[in-house]
PDB file of all heavy atoms in Angstrom:
ATOM      1  N   ILE A   1      -1.814   8.231  17.578  1.00  0.00           N
ATOM      2  CA  ILE A   1      -0.764   7.608  16.781  1.00  0.00           C
ATOM      3  C   ILE A   1       0.583   7.844  17.429  1.00  0.00           C
ATOM      4  O   ILE A   1       0.953   8.990  17.696  1.00  0.00           O
ATOM      5  CB  ILE A   1      -0.768   8.172  15.351  1.00  0.00           C
ATOM      6  CG1 ILE A   1      -2.091   7.865  14.651  1.00  0.00           C
ATOM      7  CG2 ILE A   1       0.410   7.620  14.559  1.00  0.00           C
ATOM      8  CD1 ILE A   1      -2.276   8.599  13.348  1.00  0.00           C
ATOM      9  N   PHE A   2       1.304   6.765  17.655  1.00  0.00           N
ATOM     10  CA  PHE A   2       2.693   6.886  18.076  1.00  0.00           C
ATOM     11  C   PHE A   2       3.590   7.104  16.870  1.00  0.00           C
ATOM     12  O   PHE A   2       4.417   8.010  16.852  1.00  0.00           O
ATOM     13  CB  PHE A   2       3.136   5.646  18.854  1.00  0.00           C
ATOM     14  CG  PHE A   2       2.550   5.520  20.230  1.00  0.00           C
ATOM     15  CD1 PHE A   2       2.642   4.324  20.929  1.00  0.00           C
ATOM     16  CD2 PHE A   2       1.922   6.587  20.845  1.00  0.00           C
ATOM     17  CE1 PHE A   2       2.114   4.203  22.205  1.00  0.00           C
ATOM     18  CE2 PHE A   2       1.384   6.475  22.118  1.00  0.00           C
ATOM     19  CZ  PHE A   2       1.486   5.273  22.798  1.00  0.00           C
ATOM     20  N   SER A   3       3.427   6.259  15.872  1.00  0.00           N
ATOM     21  CA  SER A   3       4.189   6.385  14.646  1.00  0.00           C
ATOM     22  C   SER A   3       3.512   5.569  13.557  1.00  0.00           C
ATOM     23  O   SER A   3       2.784   4.625  13.835  1.00  0.00           O
ATOM     24  CB  SER A   3       5.641   5.919  14.831  1.00  0.00           C
ATOM     25  OG  SER A   3       5.698   4.551  15.182  1.00  0.00           O
ATOM     26  N   ILE A   4       3.776   5.943  12.318  1.00  0.00           N
ATOM     27  CA  ILE A   4       3.262   5.216  11.169  1.00  0.00           C
ATOM     28  C   ILE A   4       4.420   4.499  10.496  1.00  0.00           C
ATOM     29  O   ILE A   4       5.387   5.133  10.081  1.00  0.00           O
ATOM     30  CB  ILE A   4       2.562   6.153  10.177  1.00  0.00           C
ATOM     31  CG1 ILE A   4       1.398   6.868  10.864  1.00  0.00           C
ATOM     32  CG2 ILE A   4       2.078   5.372   8.959  1.00  0.00           C
ATOM     33  CD1 ILE A   4       0.682   7.862   9.977  1.00  0.00           C
ATOM     34  N   HIS A   5       4.300   3.187  10.394  1.00  0.00           N
ATOM     35  CA  HIS A   5       5.393   2.394   9.846  1.00  0.00           C
ATOM     36  C   HIS A   5       5.301   2.252   8.336  1.00  0.00           C
ATOM     37  O   HIS A   5       6.258   2.515   7.634  1.00  0.00           O
ATOM     38  CB  HIS A   5       5.426   1.025  10.528  1.00  0.00           C
ATOM     39  CG  HIS A   5       5.746   1.111  11.985  1.00  0.00           C
ATOM     40  ND1 HIS A   5       7.037   1.019  12.461  1.00  0.00           N
ATOM     41  CD2 HIS A   5       4.954   1.308  13.066  1.00  0.00           C
ATOM     42  CE1 HIS A   5       7.028   1.140  13.780  1.00  0.00           C
ATOM     43  NE2 HIS A   5       5.769   1.325  14.168  1.00  0.00           N
ATOM     44  N   THR A   6       4.161   1.814   7.854  1.00  0.00           N
ATOM     45  CA  THR A   6       3.966   1.697   6.421  1.00  0.00           C
ATOM     46  C   THR A   6       2.627   2.308   6.035  1.00  0.00           C
ATOM     47  O   THR A   6       1.671   2.281   6.802  1.00  0.00           O
ATOM     48  CB  THR A   6       4.006   0.236   5.936  1.00  0.00           C
ATOM     49  OG1 THR A   6       2.882  -0.482   6.458  1.00  0.00           O
ATOM     50  CG2 THR A   6       5.290  -0.444   6.371  1.00  0.00           C
ATOM     51  N   MET A   7       2.572   2.846   4.837  1.00  0.00           N
ATOM     52  CA  MET A   7       1.322   3.333   4.271  1.00  0.00           C
ATOM     53  C   MET A   7       1.271   2.878   2.819  1.00  0.00           C
ATOM     54  O   MET A   7       2.306   2.805   2.151  1.00  0.00           O
ATOM     55  CB  MET A   7       1.210   4.853   4.344  1.00  0.00           C
ATOM     56  CG  MET A   7       1.264   5.405   5.758  1.00  0.00           C
ATOM     57  SD  MET A   7       0.872   7.181   5.858  1.00  0.00           S
ATOM     58  CE  MET A   7      -0.928   7.120   5.816  1.00  0.00           C
ATOM     59  N   GLY A   8       0.077   2.571   2.367  1.00  0.00           N
ATOM     60  CA  GLY A   8      -0.033   2.096   1.012  1.00  0.00           C
ATOM     61  C   GLY A   8      -1.418   2.273   0.439  1.00  0.00           C
ATOM     62  O   GLY A   8      -2.348   2.708   1.118  1.00  0.00           O
ATOM     63  N   TRP A   9      -1.512   1.923  -0.836  1.00  0.00           N
ATOM     64  CA  TRP A   9      -2.765   2.000  -1.567  1.00  0.00           C
ATOM     65  C   TRP A   9      -3.087   0.649  -2.170  1.00  0.00           C
ATOM     66  O   TRP A   9      -2.217   0.004  -2.779  1.00  0.00           O
ATOM     67  CB  TRP A   9      -2.696   3.044  -2.677  1.00  0.00           C
ATOM     68  CG  TRP A   9      -2.601   4.446  -2.168  1.00  0.00           C
ATOM     69  CD1 TRP A   9      -1.468   5.159  -1.937  1.00  0.00           C
ATOM     70  CD2 TRP A   9      -3.696   5.287  -1.819  1.00  0.00           C
ATOM     71  NE1 TRP A   9      -1.784   6.406  -1.470  1.00  0.00           N
ATOM     72  CE2 TRP A   9      -3.145   6.512  -1.387  1.00  0.00           C
ATOM     73  CE3 TRP A   9      -5.085   5.138  -1.832  1.00  0.00           C
ATOM     74  CZ2 TRP A   9      -3.942   7.577  -0.969  1.00  0.00           C
ATOM     75  CZ3 TRP A   9      -5.871   6.191  -1.415  1.00  0.00           C
ATOM     76  CH2 TRP A   9      -5.300   7.398  -0.990  1.00  0.00           C
ATOM     77  N   TYR A  10      -4.322   0.223  -1.986  1.00  0.00           N
ATOM     78  CA  TYR A  10      -4.869  -0.956  -2.623  1.00  0.00           C
ATOM     79  C   TYR A  10      -6.028  -0.524  -3.508  1.00  0.00           C
ATOM     80  O   TYR A  10      -6.580   0.558  -3.342  1.00  0.00           O
ATOM     81  CB  TYR A  10      -5.363  -1.965  -1.593  1.00  0.00           C
ATOM     82  CG  TYR A  10      -4.269  -2.636  -0.787  1.00  0.00           C
ATOM     83  CD1 TYR A  10      -3.550  -1.936   0.173  1.00  0.00           C
ATOM     84  CD2 TYR A  10      -3.966  -3.979  -0.985  1.00  0.00           C
ATOM     85  CE1 TYR A  10      -2.558  -2.551   0.913  1.00  0.00           C
ATOM     86  CE2 TYR A  10      -2.973  -4.605  -0.246  1.00  0.00           C
ATOM     87  CZ  TYR A  10      -2.278  -3.883   0.697  1.00  0.00           C
ATOM     88  OH  TYR A  10      -1.295  -4.505   1.437  1.00  0.00           O
ATOM     89  N   ARG A  11      -6.405  -1.387  -4.434  1.00  0.00           N
ATOM     90  CA  ARG A  11      -7.571  -1.082  -5.252  1.00  0.00           C
ATOM     91  C   ARG A  11      -8.359  -2.350  -5.527  1.00  0.00           C
ATOM     92  O   ARG A  11      -7.822  -3.452  -5.503  1.00  0.00           O
ATOM     93  CB  ARG A  11      -7.177  -0.411  -6.569  1.00  0.00           C
ATOM     94  CG  ARG A  11      -6.409  -1.290  -7.541  1.00  0.00           C
ATOM     95  CD  ARG A  11      -5.952  -0.475  -8.746  1.00  0.00           C
ATOM     96  NE  ARG A  11      -5.228  -1.280  -9.712  1.00  0.00           N
ATOM     97  CZ  ARG A  11      -4.610  -0.796 -10.776  1.00  0.00           C
ATOM     98  NH1 ARG A  11      -4.627   0.510 -11.013  1.00  0.00           N
ATOM     99  NH2 ARG A  11      -3.969  -1.610 -11.619  1.00  0.00           N
ATOM    100  N   GLN A  12      -9.646  -2.158  -5.783  1.00  0.00           N
ATOM    101  CA  GLN A  12     -10.523  -3.273  -6.072  1.00  0.00           C
ATOM    102  C   GLN A  12     -11.532  -2.861  -7.123  1.00  0.00           C
ATOM    103  O   GLN A  12     -12.282  -1.904  -6.937  1.00  0.00           O
ATOM    104  CB  GLN A  12     -11.246  -3.755  -4.809  1.00  0.00           C
ATOM    105  CG  GLN A  12     -12.040  -5.027  -5.012  1.00  0.00           C
ATOM    106  CD  GLN A  12     -12.471  -5.651  -3.698  1.00  0.00           C
ATOM    107  OE1 GLN A  12     -12.574  -4.973  -2.679  1.00  0.00           O
ATOM    108  NE2 GLN A  12     -12.711  -6.947  -3.719  1.00  0.00           N
ATOM    109  N   ALA A  13     -11.521  -3.579  -8.228  1.00  0.00           N
ATOM    110  CA  ALA A  13     -12.489  -3.386  -9.292  1.00  0.00           C
ATOM    111  C   ALA A  13     -13.595  -4.420  -9.144  1.00  0.00           C
ATOM    112  O   ALA A  13     -13.381  -5.484  -8.549  1.00  0.00           O
ATOM    113  CB  ALA A  13     -11.816  -3.503 -10.654  1.00  0.00           C
ATOM    114  N   PRO A  14     -14.788  -4.149  -9.691  1.00  0.00           N
ATOM    115  CA  PRO A  14     -15.884  -5.121  -9.593  1.00  0.00           C
ATOM    116  C   PRO A  14     -15.480  -6.483 -10.138  1.00  0.00           C
ATOM    117  O   PRO A  14     -14.910  -6.591 -11.227  1.00  0.00           O
ATOM    118  CB  PRO A  14     -16.985  -4.488 -10.439  1.00  0.00           C
ATOM    119  CG  PRO A  14     -16.711  -3.026 -10.375  1.00  0.00           C
ATOM    120  CD  PRO A  14     -15.211  -2.917 -10.370  1.00  0.00           C
ATOM    121  N   GLY A  15     -15.756  -7.521  -9.365  1.00  0.00           N
ATOM    122  CA  GLY A  15     -15.427  -8.871  -9.774  1.00  0.00           C
ATOM    123  C   GLY A  15     -13.975  -9.248  -9.619  1.00  0.00           C
ATOM    124  O   GLY A  15     -13.590 -10.362 -10.006  1.00  0.00           O
ATOM    125  N   LYS A  16     -13.172  -8.357  -9.071  1.00  0.00           N
ATOM    126  CA  LYS A  16     -11.748  -8.616  -8.896  1.00  0.00           C
ATOM    127  C   LYS A  16     -11.376  -8.609  -7.420  1.00  0.00           C
ATOM    128  O   LYS A  16     -12.071  -8.034  -6.588  1.00  0.00           O
ATOM    129  CB  LYS A  16     -10.913  -7.561  -9.631  1.00  0.00           C
ATOM    130  CG  LYS A  16     -11.200  -7.438 -11.114  1.00  0.00           C
ATOM    131  CD  LYS A  16     -10.734  -8.659 -11.873  1.00  0.00           C
ATOM    132  CE  LYS A  16     -10.922  -8.465 -13.371  1.00  0.00           C
ATOM    133  NZ  LYS A  16     -10.460  -9.653 -14.132  1.00  0.00           N
ATOM    134  N   GLN A  17     -10.274  -9.262  -7.107  1.00  0.00           N
ATOM    135  CA  GLN A  17      -9.750  -9.224  -5.751  1.00  0.00           C
ATOM    136  C   GLN A  17      -9.057  -7.895  -5.486  1.00  0.00           C
ATOM    137  O   GLN A  17      -8.553  -7.243  -6.405  1.00  0.00           O
ATOM    138  CB  GLN A  17      -8.760 -10.369  -5.526  1.00  0.00           C
ATOM    139  CG  GLN A  17      -9.384 -11.743  -5.453  1.00  0.00           C
ATOM    140  CD  GLN A  17      -8.381 -12.791  -5.046  1.00  0.00           C
ATOM    141  OE1 GLN A  17      -7.316 -12.908  -5.646  1.00  0.00           O
ATOM    142  NE2 GLN A  17      -8.706 -13.553  -4.013  1.00  0.00           N
ATOM    143  N   ARG A  18      -9.044  -7.511  -4.225  1.00  0.00           N
ATOM    144  CA  ARG A  18      -8.296  -6.331  -3.850  1.00  0.00           C
ATOM    145  C   ARG A  18      -6.805  -6.597  -4.042  1.00  0.00           C
ATOM    146  O   ARG A  18      -6.297  -7.656  -3.662  1.00  0.00           O
ATOM    147  CB  ARG A  18      -8.592  -5.962  -2.396  1.00  0.00           C
ATOM    148  CG  ARG A  18      -7.991  -4.641  -1.965  1.00  0.00           C
ATOM    149  CD  ARG A  18      -8.461  -4.240  -0.569  1.00  0.00           C
ATOM    150  NE  ARG A  18      -9.907  -4.075  -0.507  1.00  0.00           N
ATOM    151  CZ  ARG A  18     -10.554  -3.591   0.545  1.00  0.00           C
ATOM    152  NH1 ARG A  18      -9.882  -3.213   1.631  1.00  0.00           N
ATOM    153  NH2 ARG A  18     -11.875  -3.491   0.519  1.00  0.00           N
ATOM    154  N   GLU A  19      -6.117  -5.640  -4.633  1.00  0.00           N
ATOM    155  CA  GLU A  19      -4.712  -5.818  -4.929  1.00  0.00           C
ATOM    156  C   GLU A  19      -3.895  -4.628  -4.445  1.00  0.00           C
ATOM    157  O   GLU A  19      -4.377  -3.497  -4.400  1.00  0.00           O
ATOM    158  CB  GLU A  19      -4.489  -6.004  -6.435  1.00  0.00           C
ATOM    159  CG  GLU A  19      -4.863  -4.793  -7.272  1.00  0.00           C
ATOM    160  CD  GLU A  19      -4.510  -4.940  -8.737  1.00  0.00           C
ATOM    161  OE1 GLU A  19      -3.814  -5.903  -9.099  1.00  0.00           O
ATOM    162  OE2 GLU A  19      -4.945  -4.079  -9.536  1.00  0.00           O
ATOM    163  N   LEU A  20      -2.666  -4.902  -4.107  1.00  0.00           N
ATOM    164  CA  LEU A  20      -1.741  -3.855  -3.714  1.00  0.00           C
ATOM    165  C   LEU A  20      -1.346  -3.046  -4.938  1.00  0.00           C
ATOM    166  O   LEU A  20      -0.946  -3.596  -5.961  1.00  0.00           O
ATOM    167  CB  LEU A  20      -0.497  -4.453  -3.060  1.00  0.00           C
ATOM    168  CG  LEU A  20       0.618  -3.468  -2.701  1.00  0.00           C
ATOM    169  CD1 LEU A  20       0.178  -2.534  -1.577  1.00  0.00           C
ATOM    170  CD2 LEU A  20       1.889  -4.217  -2.308  1.00  0.00           C
ATOM    171  N   VAL A  21      -1.447  -1.734  -4.817  1.00  0.00           N
ATOM    172  CA  VAL A  21      -1.017  -0.825  -5.866  1.00  0.00           C
ATOM    173  C   VAL A  21       0.387  -0.312  -5.578  1.00  0.00           C
ATOM    174  O   VAL A  21       1.283  -0.379  -6.425  1.00  0.00           O
ATOM    175  CB  VAL A  21      -1.990   0.350  -6.025  1.00  0.00           C
ATOM    176  CG1 VAL A  21      -1.494   1.334  -7.083  1.00  0.00           C
ATOM    177  CG2 VAL A  21      -3.381  -0.156  -6.375  1.00  0.00           C
ATOM    178  N   ALA A  22       0.577   0.229  -4.400  1.00  0.00           N
ATOM    179  CA  ALA A  22       1.866   0.782  -4.010  1.00  0.00           C
ATOM    180  C   ALA A  22       1.942   0.856  -2.500  1.00  0.00           C
ATOM    181  O   ALA A  22       0.926   0.981  -1.820  1.00  0.00           O
ATOM    182  CB  ALA A  22       2.080   2.172  -4.622  1.00  0.00           C
ATOM    183  N   ARG A  23       3.159   0.804  -1.999  1.00  0.00           N
ATOM    184  CA  ARG A  23       3.381   0.864  -0.567  1.00  0.00           C
ATOM    185  C   ARG A  23       4.681   1.593  -0.295  1.00  0.00           C
ATOM    186  O   ARG A  23       5.654   1.450  -1.045  1.00  0.00           O
ATOM    187  CB  ARG A  23       3.422  -0.557   0.011  1.00  0.00           C
ATOM    188  CG  ARG A  23       3.642  -0.645   1.503  1.00  0.00           C
ATOM    189  CD  ARG A  23       3.426  -2.070   1.970  1.00  0.00           C
ATOM    190  NE  ARG A  23       4.296  -3.005   1.260  1.00  0.00           N
ATOM    191  CZ  ARG A  23       4.118  -4.324   1.233  1.00  0.00           C
ATOM    192  NH1 ARG A  23       3.082  -4.861   1.884  1.00  0.00           N
ATOM    193  NH2 ARG A  23       4.945  -5.100   0.574  1.00  0.00           N
ATOM    194  N   ILE A  24       4.704   2.367   0.777  1.00  0.00           N
ATOM    195  CA  ILE A  24       5.913   3.062   1.184  1.00  0.00           C
ATOM    196  C   ILE A  24       6.149   2.775   2.659  1.00  0.00           C
ATOM    197  O   ILE A  24       5.238   2.843   3.474  1.00  0.00           O
ATOM    198  CB  ILE A  24       5.828   4.575   0.888  1.00  0.00           C
ATOM    199  CG1 ILE A  24       7.155   5.265   1.208  1.00  0.00           C
ATOM    200  CG2 ILE A  24       4.665   5.230   1.629  1.00  0.00           C
ATOM    201  CD1 ILE A  24       7.264   6.654   0.595  1.00  0.00           C
ATOM    202  N   ILE A  25       7.385   2.433   2.991  1.00  0.00           N
ATOM    203  CA  ILE A  25       7.730   2.036   4.343  1.00  0.00           C
ATOM    204  C   ILE A  25       8.595   3.111   5.011  1.00  0.00           C
ATOM    205  O   ILE A  25       9.026   4.070   4.377  1.00  0.00           O
ATOM    206  CB  ILE A  25       8.467   0.682   4.362  1.00  0.00           C
ATOM    207  CG1 ILE A  25       9.790   0.758   3.602  1.00  0.00           C
ATOM    208  CG2 ILE A  25       7.584  -0.404   3.772  1.00  0.00           C
ATOM    209  CD1 ILE A  25      10.600  -0.523   3.657  1.00  0.00           C
ATOM    210  N   SER A  26       8.797   2.918   6.298  1.00  0.00           N
ATOM    211  CA  SER A  26       9.678   3.817   7.031  1.00  0.00           C
ATOM    212  C   SER A  26      11.049   3.832   6.371  1.00  0.00           C
ATOM    213  O   SER A  26      11.605   2.793   6.037  1.00  0.00           O
ATOM    214  CB  SER A  26       9.809   3.371   8.484  1.00  0.00           C
ATOM    215  OG  SER A  26       8.558   3.382   9.134  1.00  0.00           O
ATOM    216  N   GLY A  27      11.571   5.016   6.183  1.00  0.00           N
ATOM    217  CA  GLY A  27      12.848   5.159   5.511  1.00  0.00           C
ATOM    218  C   GLY A  27      12.722   5.458   4.035  1.00  0.00           C
ATOM    219  O   GLY A  27      13.713   5.798   3.386  1.00  0.00           O
ATOM    220  N   GLY A  28      11.510   5.315   3.496  1.00  0.00           N
ATOM    221  CA  GLY A  28      11.262   5.721   2.132  1.00  0.00           C
ATOM    222  C   GLY A  28      11.231   4.633   1.087  1.00  0.00           C
ATOM    223  O   GLY A  28      10.976   4.916  -0.086  1.00  0.00           O
ATOM    224  N   GLY A  29      11.484   3.394   1.467  1.00  0.00           N
ATOM    225  CA  GLY A  29      11.429   2.312   0.502  1.00  0.00           C
ATOM    226  C   GLY A  29      10.028   2.127  -0.054  1.00  0.00           C
ATOM    227  O   GLY A  29       9.035   2.297   0.653  1.00  0.00           O
ATOM    228  N   THR A  30       9.934   1.769  -1.320  1.00  0.00           N
ATOM    229  CA  THR A  30       8.641   1.648  -1.988  1.00  0.00           C
ATOM    230  C   THR A  30       8.506   0.327  -2.717  1.00  0.00           C
ATOM    231  O   THR A  30       9.496  -0.309  -3.097  1.00  0.00           O
ATOM    232  CB  THR A  30       8.413   2.788  -2.991  1.00  0.00           C
ATOM    233  OG1 THR A  30       9.462   2.781  -3.967  1.00  0.00           O
ATOM    234  CG2 THR A  30       8.392   4.132  -2.287  1.00  0.00           C
ATOM    235  N   ASN A  31       7.249  -0.080  -2.914  1.00  0.00           N
ATOM    236  CA  ASN A  31       6.900  -1.225  -3.730  1.00  0.00           C
ATOM    237  C   ASN A  31       5.722  -0.844  -4.609  1.00  0.00           C
ATOM    238  O   ASN A  31       4.813  -0.146  -4.161  1.00  0.00           O
ATOM    239  CB  ASN A  31       6.521  -2.437  -2.875  1.00  0.00           C
ATOM    240  CG  ASN A  31       7.643  -2.932  -2.003  1.00  0.00           C
ATOM    241  OD1 ASN A  31       7.652  -2.696  -0.791  1.00  0.00           O
ATOM    242  ND2 ASN A  31       8.599  -3.628  -2.609  1.00  0.00           N
ATOM    243  N   TYR A  32       5.748  -1.320  -5.851  1.00  0.00           N
ATOM    244  CA  TYR A  32       4.675  -1.034  -6.795  1.00  0.00           C
ATOM    245  C   TYR A  32       4.219  -2.311  -7.477  1.00  0.00           C
ATOM    246  O   TYR A  32       5.012  -3.217  -7.742  1.00  0.00           O
ATOM    247  CB  TYR A  32       5.137  -0.068  -7.883  1.00  0.00           C
ATOM    248  CG  TYR A  32       5.464   1.315  -7.397  1.00  0.00           C
ATOM    249  CD1 TYR A  32       6.761   1.657  -7.038  1.00  0.00           C
ATOM    250  CD2 TYR A  32       4.478   2.292  -7.309  1.00  0.00           C
ATOM    251  CE1 TYR A  32       7.065   2.929  -6.604  1.00  0.00           C
ATOM    252  CE2 TYR A  32       4.779   3.571  -6.873  1.00  0.00           C
ATOM    253  CZ  TYR A  32       6.076   3.882  -6.522  1.00  0.00           C
ATOM    254  OH  TYR A  32       6.369   5.153  -6.088  1.00  0.00           O
ATOM    255  N   ALA A  33       2.932  -2.355  -7.784  1.00  0.00           N
ATOM    256  CA  ALA A  33       2.440  -3.402  -8.656  1.00  0.00           C
ATOM    257  C   ALA A  33       3.032  -3.212 -10.045  1.00  0.00           C
ATOM    258  O   ALA A  33       3.255  -2.081 -10.495  1.00  0.00           O
ATOM    259  CB  ALA A  33       0.914  -3.357  -8.732  1.00  0.00           C
TER     260      ALA A  33
END
């Protein structure tokens, strides 16, 4: 690994599409479902 730019969590329930739960980017910015 040189560097990690973004890391996040997705989830998938039976019969459902995988969806973004939360994400954190370089510098600390975040996104949430």
